[in-house]
N, C-alpha and C. Protein backbone atom coordinates (compact mmCIF):
# COMPACT_ATOMS: atom_id res chain seq x y z
N MET A 1 0.84 -1.18 0.00
CA MET A 1 0.00 0.00 0.00
C MET A 1 0.88 1.24 0.00
N GLN A 2 0.54 2.16 -0.89
CA GLN A 2 1.38 3.35 -1.01
C GLN A 2 0.58 4.54 -1.49
N LEU A 3 0.87 5.70 -0.89
CA LEU A 3 0.37 6.98 -1.39
C LEU A 3 1.44 7.57 -2.29
N LEU A 4 1.02 8.10 -3.43
CA LEU A 4 1.97 8.68 -4.38
C LEU A 4 1.95 10.20 -4.36
N SER A 5 0.77 10.79 -4.21
CA SER A 5 0.70 12.24 -4.22
C SER A 5 -0.60 12.75 -3.62
N ILE A 6 -0.54 14.02 -3.20
CA ILE A 6 -1.72 14.74 -2.72
C ILE A 6 -1.70 16.09 -3.43
N LEU A 7 -2.81 16.44 -4.05
CA LEU A 7 -2.92 17.72 -4.74
C LEU A 7 -4.20 18.43 -4.30
N LEU A 8 -4.11 19.75 -4.12
CA LEU A 8 -5.28 20.57 -3.84
C LEU A 8 -5.43 21.55 -4.99
N LEU A 9 -6.63 21.60 -5.56
CA LEU A 9 -6.88 22.42 -6.74
C LEU A 9 -8.13 23.27 -6.54
N ARG A 10 -8.22 24.34 -7.31
CA ARG A 10 -9.46 25.10 -7.37
C ARG A 10 -9.86 25.24 -8.83
N THR A 11 -11.15 25.29 -9.05
CA THR A 11 -11.66 25.45 -10.41
C THR A 11 -12.13 26.89 -10.54
N GLY A 12 -11.58 27.59 -11.51
CA GLY A 12 -11.91 29.00 -11.72
C GLY A 12 -13.26 29.17 -12.40
N ALA A 13 -13.63 30.43 -12.59
CA ALA A 13 -14.90 30.76 -13.25
C ALA A 13 -14.93 30.26 -14.69
N ASP A 14 -13.75 30.12 -15.30
CA ASP A 14 -13.67 29.63 -16.68
C ASP A 14 -13.79 28.11 -16.77
N GLY A 15 -13.89 27.44 -15.62
CA GLY A 15 -14.02 25.98 -15.60
C GLY A 15 -12.71 25.24 -15.61
N LYS A 16 -11.60 25.96 -15.64
CA LYS A 16 -10.27 25.34 -15.64
C LYS A 16 -9.76 25.20 -14.21
N ALA A 17 -9.18 24.04 -13.92
CA ALA A 17 -8.64 23.80 -12.58
C ALA A 17 -7.16 24.15 -12.55
N GLU A 18 -6.74 24.73 -11.42
CA GLU A 18 -5.32 25.02 -11.24
C GLU A 18 -4.89 24.47 -9.88
N VAL A 19 -3.65 24.00 -9.83
CA VAL A 19 -3.11 23.41 -8.61
C VAL A 19 -2.72 24.52 -7.65
N LEU A 20 -3.27 24.45 -6.44
CA LEU A 20 -2.90 25.41 -5.39
C LEU A 20 -1.65 24.96 -4.65
N THR A 21 -1.60 23.68 -4.33
CA THR A 21 -0.44 23.11 -3.64
C THR A 21 -0.43 21.61 -3.86
N SER A 22 0.74 21.00 -3.75
CA SER A 22 0.84 19.56 -3.99
C SER A 22 2.08 19.00 -3.31
N SER A 23 2.07 17.68 -3.15
CA SER A 23 3.22 16.96 -2.61
C SER A 23 3.27 15.59 -3.28
N PHE A 24 4.48 15.14 -3.64
CA PHE A 24 4.65 13.88 -4.35
C PHE A 24 5.68 13.01 -3.64
N ASP A 25 5.47 11.69 -3.68
CA ASP A 25 6.46 10.72 -3.21
C ASP A 25 6.51 9.61 -4.25
N LEU A 26 7.34 9.80 -5.25
CA LEU A 26 7.41 8.86 -6.38
C LEU A 26 8.68 8.02 -6.36
N THR A 27 9.49 8.17 -5.33
CA THR A 27 10.81 7.52 -5.30
C THR A 27 10.75 6.00 -5.25
N ARG A 28 9.73 5.45 -4.60
CA ARG A 28 9.67 3.99 -4.46
C ARG A 28 9.05 3.28 -5.66
N SER A 29 8.27 4.00 -6.43
CA SER A 29 7.54 3.35 -7.53
C SER A 29 8.09 3.64 -8.92
N PHE A 30 8.85 4.72 -9.05
CA PHE A 30 9.28 5.13 -10.39
C PHE A 30 10.78 5.45 -10.38
N SER A 31 11.41 5.20 -11.51
CA SER A 31 12.84 5.52 -11.64
C SER A 31 13.01 7.04 -11.73
N PHE A 32 14.22 7.48 -11.55
CA PHE A 32 14.54 8.90 -11.61
C PHE A 32 14.06 9.53 -12.91
N PHE A 33 14.24 8.82 -14.02
CA PHE A 33 13.91 9.35 -15.34
C PHE A 33 12.41 9.38 -15.60
N GLU A 34 11.64 8.58 -14.89
CA GLU A 34 10.19 8.55 -15.06
C GLU A 34 9.46 9.58 -14.22
N ARG A 35 10.06 10.01 -13.12
CA ARG A 35 9.35 10.82 -12.13
C ARG A 35 8.79 12.13 -12.69
N GLY A 36 9.55 12.82 -13.51
CA GLY A 36 9.07 14.08 -14.07
C GLY A 36 7.81 13.90 -14.91
N SER A 37 7.82 12.89 -15.76
CA SER A 37 6.65 12.62 -16.60
C SER A 37 5.46 12.16 -15.77
N VAL A 38 5.72 11.32 -14.77
CA VAL A 38 4.63 10.83 -13.92
C VAL A 38 4.01 11.98 -13.15
N LYS A 39 4.84 12.87 -12.62
CA LYS A 39 4.34 14.02 -11.87
C LYS A 39 3.48 14.91 -12.77
N GLU A 40 3.95 15.14 -13.98
CA GLU A 40 3.20 15.95 -14.95
C GLU A 40 1.87 15.28 -15.30
N PHE A 41 1.90 13.97 -15.51
CA PHE A 41 0.67 13.24 -15.84
C PHE A 41 -0.32 13.26 -14.68
N MET A 42 0.17 13.09 -13.44
CA MET A 42 -0.71 13.13 -12.27
C MET A 42 -1.34 14.52 -12.11
N THR A 43 -0.57 15.56 -12.35
CA THR A 43 -1.09 16.92 -12.25
C THR A 43 -2.17 17.15 -13.31
N PHE A 44 -1.91 16.70 -14.53
CA PHE A 44 -2.90 16.83 -15.61
C PHE A 44 -4.17 16.05 -15.28
N THR A 45 -4.00 14.81 -14.81
CA THR A 45 -5.15 13.96 -14.47
C THR A 45 -5.96 14.58 -13.33
N ALA A 46 -5.27 15.08 -12.30
CA ALA A 46 -5.97 15.70 -11.17
C ALA A 46 -6.77 16.91 -11.62
N ALA A 47 -6.20 17.74 -12.50
CA ALA A 47 -6.91 18.92 -13.00
C ALA A 47 -8.13 18.50 -13.81
N THR A 48 -7.98 17.50 -14.64
CA THR A 48 -9.09 17.03 -15.47
C THR A 48 -10.23 16.49 -14.60
N ILE A 49 -9.86 15.68 -13.60
CA ILE A 49 -10.88 15.11 -12.71
C ILE A 49 -11.54 16.21 -11.89
N ALA A 50 -10.76 17.19 -11.40
CA ALA A 50 -11.32 18.29 -10.60
C ALA A 50 -12.33 19.11 -11.41
N GLU A 51 -12.02 19.32 -12.68
CA GLU A 51 -12.93 20.09 -13.55
C GLU A 51 -14.25 19.34 -13.78
N ARG A 52 -14.22 18.03 -13.69
CA ARG A 52 -15.41 17.23 -14.01
C ARG A 52 -16.14 16.69 -12.78
N THR A 53 -15.69 17.05 -11.60
CA THR A 53 -16.32 16.56 -10.37
C THR A 53 -17.16 17.69 -9.76
N GLN A 54 -18.42 17.39 -9.54
CA GLN A 54 -19.34 18.37 -8.96
C GLN A 54 -19.01 18.61 -7.49
N PRO A 55 -19.25 19.82 -6.97
CA PRO A 55 -19.00 20.11 -5.55
C PRO A 55 -19.79 19.15 -4.64
N GLY A 56 -19.12 18.68 -3.60
CA GLY A 56 -19.74 17.77 -2.64
C GLY A 56 -19.61 16.30 -3.01
N VAL A 57 -19.02 15.99 -4.15
CA VAL A 57 -18.93 14.62 -4.64
C VAL A 57 -17.58 14.00 -4.27
N ARG A 58 -17.63 12.73 -3.86
CA ARG A 58 -16.42 11.93 -3.62
C ARG A 58 -16.44 10.79 -4.63
N GLN A 59 -15.29 10.49 -5.18
CA GLN A 59 -15.22 9.37 -6.11
C GLN A 59 -13.78 8.87 -6.21
N SER A 60 -13.66 7.62 -6.61
CA SER A 60 -12.35 7.04 -6.89
C SER A 60 -12.32 6.70 -8.36
N VAL A 61 -11.26 7.12 -9.03
CA VAL A 61 -11.14 6.94 -10.47
C VAL A 61 -9.89 6.11 -10.75
N GLN A 62 -10.10 5.04 -11.52
CA GLN A 62 -8.96 4.20 -11.91
C GLN A 62 -8.95 4.09 -13.43
N GLN A 63 -7.79 4.34 -14.00
CA GLN A 63 -7.66 4.21 -15.44
C GLN A 63 -7.58 2.72 -15.78
N ASN A 64 -8.07 2.33 -16.94
CA ASN A 64 -8.05 0.93 -17.36
C ASN A 64 -6.67 0.33 -17.19
N GLU A 65 -6.61 -0.86 -16.57
CA GLU A 65 -5.38 -1.63 -16.41
C GLU A 65 -4.31 -0.93 -15.57
N SER A 66 -4.64 0.20 -14.98
CA SER A 66 -3.66 0.94 -14.20
C SER A 66 -3.55 0.36 -12.78
N ASP A 67 -2.37 0.52 -12.20
CA ASP A 67 -2.16 0.08 -10.82
C ASP A 67 -2.43 1.19 -9.83
N HIS A 68 -2.83 2.37 -10.32
CA HIS A 68 -3.02 3.52 -9.46
C HIS A 68 -4.45 4.03 -9.52
N VAL A 69 -4.88 4.62 -8.39
CA VAL A 69 -6.24 5.12 -8.25
C VAL A 69 -6.17 6.57 -7.80
N ALA A 70 -7.06 7.40 -8.34
CA ALA A 70 -7.20 8.78 -7.89
C ALA A 70 -8.44 8.87 -7.02
N HIS A 71 -8.27 9.24 -5.75
CA HIS A 71 -9.38 9.46 -4.82
C HIS A 71 -9.64 10.96 -4.81
N VAL A 72 -10.87 11.37 -5.10
CA VAL A 72 -11.19 12.78 -5.30
C VAL A 72 -12.33 13.19 -4.38
N TYR A 73 -12.17 14.37 -3.78
CA TYR A 73 -13.27 14.97 -3.03
C TYR A 73 -13.33 16.44 -3.40
N SER A 74 -14.45 16.85 -4.00
CA SER A 74 -14.66 18.24 -4.36
C SER A 74 -15.45 18.90 -3.24
N HIS A 75 -14.76 19.68 -2.44
CA HIS A 75 -15.39 20.33 -1.28
C HIS A 75 -16.37 21.40 -1.77
N PRO A 76 -17.51 21.53 -1.11
CA PRO A 76 -18.51 22.52 -1.54
C PRO A 76 -18.00 23.97 -1.51
N ARG A 77 -16.92 24.24 -0.79
CA ARG A 77 -16.39 25.61 -0.71
C ARG A 77 -15.39 25.93 -1.81
N GLY A 78 -15.30 25.07 -2.83
CA GLY A 78 -14.55 25.44 -4.02
C GLY A 78 -13.15 24.88 -4.18
N VAL A 79 -12.72 24.02 -3.28
CA VAL A 79 -11.39 23.41 -3.42
C VAL A 79 -11.57 21.91 -3.56
N THR A 80 -10.75 21.30 -4.40
CA THR A 80 -10.82 19.86 -4.66
C THR A 80 -9.52 19.21 -4.24
N GLY A 81 -9.63 18.12 -3.49
CA GLY A 81 -8.45 17.35 -3.09
C GLY A 81 -8.37 16.07 -3.89
N VAL A 82 -7.17 15.72 -4.33
CA VAL A 82 -6.94 14.49 -5.09
C VAL A 82 -5.76 13.76 -4.47
N ILE A 83 -5.98 12.49 -4.17
CA ILE A 83 -4.91 11.63 -3.66
C ILE A 83 -4.71 10.51 -4.67
N PHE A 84 -3.47 10.31 -5.11
CA PHE A 84 -3.13 9.18 -5.96
C PHE A 84 -2.49 8.11 -5.08
N SER A 85 -2.98 6.88 -5.22
CA SER A 85 -2.44 5.76 -4.44
C SER A 85 -2.44 4.52 -5.32
N ASP A 86 -1.87 3.43 -4.78
CA ASP A 86 -1.98 2.17 -5.51
C ASP A 86 -3.35 1.56 -5.21
N LYS A 87 -3.68 0.47 -5.92
CA LYS A 87 -5.02 -0.13 -5.81
C LYS A 87 -5.30 -0.70 -4.43
N GLU A 88 -4.26 -1.13 -3.71
CA GLU A 88 -4.45 -1.78 -2.41
C GLU A 88 -4.74 -0.80 -1.28
N TYR A 89 -4.48 0.48 -1.49
CA TYR A 89 -4.65 1.46 -0.42
C TYR A 89 -6.14 1.58 -0.08
N PRO A 90 -6.51 1.52 1.21
CA PRO A 90 -7.93 1.55 1.61
C PRO A 90 -8.61 2.87 1.25
N MET A 91 -9.72 2.76 0.57
CA MET A 91 -10.47 3.93 0.12
C MET A 91 -10.95 4.77 1.31
N ARG A 92 -11.40 4.11 2.38
CA ARG A 92 -11.92 4.82 3.54
C ARG A 92 -10.84 5.71 4.17
N VAL A 93 -9.62 5.21 4.23
CA VAL A 93 -8.51 5.97 4.80
C VAL A 93 -8.17 7.16 3.90
N ALA A 94 -8.17 6.94 2.58
CA ALA A 94 -7.87 8.02 1.64
C ALA A 94 -8.89 9.16 1.75
N PHE A 95 -10.17 8.82 1.83
CA PHE A 95 -11.18 9.86 1.93
C PHE A 95 -11.16 10.54 3.31
N GLY A 96 -10.83 9.79 4.35
CA GLY A 96 -10.66 10.40 5.66
C GLY A 96 -9.54 11.42 5.66
N LEU A 97 -8.44 11.07 4.99
CA LEU A 97 -7.31 11.99 4.88
C LEU A 97 -7.70 13.22 4.06
N LEU A 98 -8.42 13.03 2.97
CA LEU A 98 -8.86 14.18 2.16
C LEU A 98 -9.73 15.12 2.99
N ASN A 99 -10.67 14.58 3.75
CA ASN A 99 -11.51 15.42 4.61
C ASN A 99 -10.66 16.26 5.56
N LYS A 100 -9.73 15.58 6.22
CA LYS A 100 -8.87 16.26 7.19
C LYS A 100 -8.05 17.37 6.54
N ILE A 101 -7.43 17.07 5.41
CA ILE A 101 -6.59 18.05 4.71
C ILE A 101 -7.40 19.24 4.25
N LEU A 102 -8.56 18.98 3.63
CA LEU A 102 -9.37 20.08 3.11
C LEU A 102 -9.90 20.97 4.23
N ASP A 103 -10.33 20.37 5.33
CA ASP A 103 -10.81 21.16 6.46
C ASP A 103 -9.70 22.06 7.01
N GLU A 104 -8.51 21.50 7.19
CA GLU A 104 -7.38 22.30 7.68
C GLU A 104 -6.99 23.39 6.69
N PHE A 105 -6.98 23.06 5.41
CA PHE A 105 -6.62 24.02 4.37
C PHE A 105 -7.58 25.20 4.37
N LEU A 106 -8.87 24.92 4.46
CA LEU A 106 -9.87 25.99 4.42
C LEU A 106 -9.78 26.90 5.65
N VAL A 107 -9.35 26.35 6.78
CA VAL A 107 -9.17 27.18 7.98
C VAL A 107 -7.91 28.04 7.83
N LYS A 108 -6.86 27.45 7.31
CA LYS A 108 -5.57 28.14 7.21
C LYS A 108 -5.54 29.19 6.09
N PHE A 109 -6.21 28.91 4.96
CA PHE A 109 -6.17 29.80 3.81
C PHE A 109 -7.59 30.23 3.41
N PRO A 110 -7.97 31.48 3.69
CA PRO A 110 -9.26 31.98 3.19
C PRO A 110 -9.24 32.02 1.65
N ALA A 111 -10.39 31.95 1.03
CA ALA A 111 -10.50 31.86 -0.43
C ALA A 111 -9.78 32.99 -1.16
N GLU A 112 -9.75 34.17 -0.57
CA GLU A 112 -9.11 35.30 -1.26
C GLU A 112 -7.58 35.17 -1.32
N THR A 113 -7.00 34.26 -0.55
CA THR A 113 -5.53 34.07 -0.57
C THR A 113 -5.10 32.94 -1.50
N TRP A 114 -6.05 32.26 -2.13
CA TRP A 114 -5.72 31.12 -2.97
C TRP A 114 -4.99 31.56 -4.23
N LYS A 115 -3.84 30.96 -4.44
CA LYS A 115 -3.05 31.19 -5.65
C LYS A 115 -2.17 29.96 -5.86
N PRO A 116 -1.65 29.74 -7.04
CA PRO A 116 -0.77 28.58 -7.26
C PRO A 116 0.47 28.63 -6.37
N ASN A 117 0.96 27.43 -6.03
CA ASN A 117 2.18 27.25 -5.24
C ASN A 117 2.09 27.81 -3.82
N LEU A 118 0.93 27.62 -3.19
CA LEU A 118 0.79 28.02 -1.79
C LEU A 118 1.72 27.16 -0.92
N PRO A 119 2.41 27.75 0.04
CA PRO A 119 3.27 26.94 0.92
C PRO A 119 2.41 26.19 1.94
N TYR A 120 2.36 24.89 1.80
CA TYR A 120 1.55 24.06 2.71
C TYR A 120 2.35 22.81 3.04
N PRO A 121 3.37 22.94 3.92
CA PRO A 121 4.27 21.81 4.20
C PRO A 121 3.59 20.64 4.89
N GLU A 122 2.40 20.85 5.45
CA GLU A 122 1.68 19.76 6.10
C GLU A 122 1.35 18.63 5.14
N LEU A 123 1.21 18.96 3.84
CA LEU A 123 0.92 17.91 2.85
C LEU A 123 2.02 16.86 2.83
N GLU A 124 3.26 17.31 2.88
CA GLU A 124 4.38 16.37 2.87
C GLU A 124 4.37 15.50 4.12
N ASP A 125 4.03 16.10 5.26
CA ASP A 125 3.94 15.33 6.51
C ASP A 125 2.85 14.27 6.42
N TYR A 126 1.69 14.66 5.87
CA TYR A 126 0.60 13.69 5.72
C TYR A 126 0.98 12.57 4.75
N LEU A 127 1.69 12.93 3.71
CA LEU A 127 2.11 11.93 2.72
C LEU A 127 3.02 10.89 3.37
N LYS A 128 3.89 11.33 4.26
CA LYS A 128 4.77 10.40 4.98
C LYS A 128 4.00 9.60 6.01
N LYS A 129 3.19 10.27 6.81
CA LYS A 129 2.48 9.62 7.92
C LYS A 129 1.50 8.56 7.41
N TYR A 130 0.80 8.84 6.33
CA TYR A 130 -0.24 7.95 5.84
C TYR A 130 0.26 6.88 4.87
N GLN A 131 1.59 6.76 4.69
CA GLN A 131 2.11 5.67 3.85
C GLN A 131 1.68 4.32 4.42
N ASP A 132 1.67 4.22 5.74
CA ASP A 132 1.18 3.00 6.39
C ASP A 132 -0.17 3.31 7.00
N PRO A 133 -1.26 2.96 6.31
CA PRO A 133 -2.59 3.34 6.80
C PRO A 133 -2.92 2.72 8.16
N LYS A 134 -2.29 1.61 8.51
CA LYS A 134 -2.57 0.98 9.80
C LYS A 134 -2.05 1.83 10.95
N GLN A 135 -0.95 2.54 10.73
CA GLN A 135 -0.41 3.41 11.77
C GLN A 135 -1.18 4.72 11.86
N ALA A 136 -1.66 5.22 10.73
CA ALA A 136 -2.32 6.51 10.70
C ALA A 136 -3.80 6.43 11.04
N ASP A 137 -4.43 5.31 10.74
CA ASP A 137 -5.87 5.18 10.93
C ASP A 137 -6.16 4.30 12.14
N THR A 138 -6.86 4.84 13.11
CA THR A 138 -7.14 4.14 14.36
C THR A 138 -7.97 2.88 14.14
N ILE A 139 -8.98 2.95 13.30
CA ILE A 139 -9.86 1.80 13.08
C ILE A 139 -9.08 0.63 12.47
N MET A 140 -8.22 0.93 11.49
CA MET A 140 -7.42 -0.14 10.89
C MET A 140 -6.45 -0.74 11.90
N ARG A 141 -5.88 0.11 12.76
CA ARG A 141 -4.94 -0.37 13.76
C ARG A 141 -5.65 -1.30 14.75
N VAL A 142 -6.84 -0.90 15.21
CA VAL A 142 -7.60 -1.74 16.14
C VAL A 142 -8.00 -3.05 15.47
N GLN A 143 -8.43 -3.00 14.21
CA GLN A 143 -8.80 -4.21 13.48
C GLN A 143 -7.61 -5.15 13.35
N ASP A 144 -6.45 -4.59 13.08
CA ASP A 144 -5.23 -5.39 12.98
C ASP A 144 -4.91 -6.08 14.30
N GLU A 145 -5.04 -5.33 15.41
CA GLU A 145 -4.78 -5.90 16.73
C GLU A 145 -5.78 -7.00 17.06
N LEU A 146 -7.05 -6.79 16.69
CA LEU A 146 -8.07 -7.83 16.90
C LEU A 146 -7.76 -9.09 16.11
N ASN A 147 -7.32 -8.92 14.88
CA ASN A 147 -6.97 -10.08 14.05
C ASN A 147 -5.81 -10.85 14.67
N GLU A 148 -4.81 -10.13 15.18
CA GLU A 148 -3.67 -10.79 15.82
C GLU A 148 -4.11 -11.55 17.07
N THR A 149 -4.96 -10.91 17.89
CA THR A 149 -5.45 -11.54 19.12
C THR A 149 -6.25 -12.79 18.80
N THR A 150 -7.10 -12.72 17.78
CA THR A 150 -7.90 -13.88 17.38
C THR A 150 -7.00 -15.03 16.94
N ALA A 151 -5.98 -14.70 16.17
CA ALA A 151 -5.05 -15.76 15.72
C ALA A 151 -4.33 -16.41 16.90
N ILE A 152 -3.91 -15.61 17.86
CA ILE A 152 -3.23 -16.15 19.05
C ILE A 152 -4.18 -17.03 19.85
N LEU A 153 -5.42 -16.59 20.04
CA LEU A 153 -6.39 -17.39 20.78
C LEU A 153 -6.68 -18.72 20.09
N GLN A 154 -6.82 -18.68 18.77
CA GLN A 154 -7.08 -19.92 18.04
C GLN A 154 -5.90 -20.88 18.18
N LYS A 155 -4.71 -20.35 18.11
CA LYS A 155 -3.51 -21.19 18.26
C LYS A 155 -3.46 -21.80 19.66
N THR A 156 -3.78 -20.99 20.67
CA THR A 156 -3.77 -21.47 22.05
C THR A 156 -4.82 -22.56 22.26
N ILE A 157 -6.01 -22.35 21.74
CA ILE A 157 -7.08 -23.35 21.88
C ILE A 157 -6.69 -24.64 21.17
N ASP A 158 -6.11 -24.53 19.98
CA ASP A 158 -5.66 -25.72 19.26
C ASP A 158 -4.63 -26.50 20.07
N SER A 159 -3.68 -25.79 20.67
CA SER A 159 -2.65 -26.49 21.43
C SER A 159 -3.24 -27.12 22.70
N VAL A 160 -4.23 -26.45 23.32
CA VAL A 160 -4.89 -27.04 24.51
C VAL A 160 -5.63 -28.31 24.12
N LEU A 161 -6.32 -28.27 22.98
CA LEU A 161 -7.05 -29.46 22.53
C LEU A 161 -6.10 -30.60 22.21
N GLN A 162 -4.96 -30.28 21.60
CA GLN A 162 -3.98 -31.32 21.30
C GLN A 162 -3.43 -31.92 22.59
N ARG A 163 -3.18 -31.05 23.60
CA ARG A 163 -2.69 -31.57 24.88
C ARG A 163 -3.72 -32.46 25.55
N GLY A 164 -5.00 -32.11 25.40
CA GLY A 164 -6.06 -32.93 25.98
C GLY A 164 -6.07 -34.32 25.36
N GLU A 165 -5.90 -34.38 24.05
CA GLU A 165 -5.86 -35.68 23.38
C GLU A 165 -4.64 -36.48 23.83
N LYS A 166 -3.52 -35.81 23.98
CA LYS A 166 -2.31 -36.50 24.42
C LYS A 166 -2.46 -37.01 25.84
N LEU A 167 -3.14 -36.23 26.70
CA LEU A 167 -3.36 -36.64 28.08
C LEU A 167 -4.22 -37.90 28.12
N ASP A 168 -5.24 -37.96 27.25
CA ASP A 168 -6.09 -39.16 27.18
C ASP A 168 -5.27 -40.39 26.86
N SER A 169 -4.40 -40.28 25.85
CA SER A 169 -3.62 -41.46 25.47
C SER A 169 -2.61 -41.82 26.56
N LEU A 170 -2.07 -40.83 27.25
CA LEU A 170 -1.15 -41.12 28.35
C LEU A 170 -1.85 -41.85 29.50
N VAL A 171 -3.06 -41.41 29.83
CA VAL A 171 -3.82 -42.06 30.92
C VAL A 171 -4.12 -43.50 30.55
N ASP A 172 -4.53 -43.73 29.31
CA ASP A 172 -4.86 -45.10 28.87
C ASP A 172 -3.64 -46.01 28.92
N ARG A 173 -2.46 -45.51 28.57
CA ARG A 173 -1.27 -46.34 28.50
C ARG A 173 -0.52 -46.46 29.83
N SER A 174 -0.87 -45.62 30.76
CA SER A 174 -0.13 -45.57 32.01
C SER A 174 -0.32 -46.84 32.84
N GLU A 175 0.80 -47.36 33.30
CA GLU A 175 0.75 -48.51 34.20
C GLU A 175 0.82 -48.06 35.64
N ALA A 176 1.20 -46.77 35.85
CA ALA A 176 1.35 -46.25 37.21
C ALA A 176 0.00 -45.90 37.83
N LEU A 177 -1.01 -45.67 36.99
CA LEU A 177 -2.34 -45.34 37.52
C LEU A 177 -3.15 -46.61 37.73
N SER A 178 -3.86 -46.62 38.80
CA SER A 178 -4.72 -47.77 39.06
C SER A 178 -5.94 -47.68 38.17
N SER A 179 -6.65 -48.78 38.04
CA SER A 179 -7.86 -48.79 37.21
C SER A 179 -8.90 -47.85 37.80
N GLN A 180 -8.88 -47.68 39.11
CA GLN A 180 -9.84 -46.78 39.75
C GLN A 180 -9.52 -45.32 39.36
N SER A 181 -8.26 -44.94 39.30
CA SER A 181 -7.87 -43.58 38.90
C SER A 181 -8.22 -43.32 37.44
N LYS A 182 -8.01 -44.36 36.60
CA LYS A 182 -8.37 -44.22 35.19
C LYS A 182 -9.88 -44.02 35.05
N MET A 183 -10.66 -44.77 35.81
CA MET A 183 -12.11 -44.67 35.78
C MET A 183 -12.55 -43.27 36.25
N PHE A 184 -11.90 -42.76 37.30
CA PHE A 184 -12.21 -41.42 37.81
C PHE A 184 -11.95 -40.36 36.73
N TYR A 185 -10.81 -40.47 36.04
CA TYR A 185 -10.45 -39.52 34.99
C TYR A 185 -11.49 -39.53 33.87
N LYS A 186 -11.90 -40.72 33.42
CA LYS A 186 -12.87 -40.83 32.33
C LYS A 186 -14.24 -40.29 32.74
N THR A 187 -14.65 -40.56 33.98
CA THR A 187 -15.95 -40.07 34.47
C THR A 187 -15.92 -38.54 34.56
N ALA A 188 -14.83 -38.00 35.07
CA ALA A 188 -14.69 -36.55 35.18
C ALA A 188 -14.71 -35.91 33.80
N LYS A 189 -14.07 -36.55 32.86
CA LYS A 189 -14.04 -36.01 31.50
C LYS A 189 -15.43 -35.99 30.87
N LYS A 190 -16.22 -37.06 31.09
CA LYS A 190 -17.58 -37.11 30.56
C LYS A 190 -18.44 -36.05 31.21
N THR A 191 -18.26 -35.85 32.50
CA THR A 191 -19.06 -34.87 33.22
C THR A 191 -18.75 -33.45 32.73
N ASN A 192 -17.50 -33.17 32.45
CA ASN A 192 -17.09 -31.84 32.01
C ASN A 192 -17.25 -31.62 30.51
N SER A 193 -17.70 -32.62 29.79
CA SER A 193 -17.78 -32.49 28.33
C SER A 193 -19.04 -31.77 27.87
N CYS A 194 -19.79 -31.19 28.77
CA CYS A 194 -20.99 -30.45 28.36
C CYS A 194 -20.65 -29.21 27.55
N CYS A 195 -19.48 -28.69 27.78
CA CYS A 195 -19.07 -27.47 27.10
C CYS A 195 -18.01 -27.80 26.05
N VAL A 196 -18.30 -27.46 24.82
CA VAL A 196 -17.36 -27.75 23.74
C VAL A 196 -16.78 -26.45 23.25
N VAL A 197 -15.47 -26.37 23.13
CA VAL A 197 -14.80 -25.19 22.62
C VAL A 197 -14.71 -25.31 21.11
N MET A 198 -15.15 -24.25 20.40
CA MET A 198 -15.11 -24.27 18.93
C MET A 198 -14.10 -23.28 18.44
């Protein structure tokens, strides 16, 4: 899972979108010689999608056969956020991040200050922090911990059940236990067998 870029754009009265601020992390997915073209293509794609997305709409756009997805949210107050990620990146986390970024941006920059190349270093911080959605998103982190706990419990129950079977065979083969002790063990086992662990 990887985030590639975050772009914030506004659509002017002429219907053309312009990039207000952006941040890219293309080092892991593209060679040095590809990065310039990829950045240019992502900027073009983000502008095209921003121009065609109605205010208040959220959508994810994937080009045919592409490994990358554009998550878009056109805020009703006139700014559009676009996140490019790979296909495996969780959509819910991407849209949560877009909400957070756009809300902070609108508080920090009133509409009359919007111009290209606004200094917004927080985008780079978000791009780094959200590379691992499990660390950045609380719900994913809790779900991951629950999955780990469930796996540990299942493993523990399996080993307890295996030990129970081994104990049965040991009791049956034991010459040190009297027949009365063996009978007591089997009766106790039948009595306690009302509860089955699944």
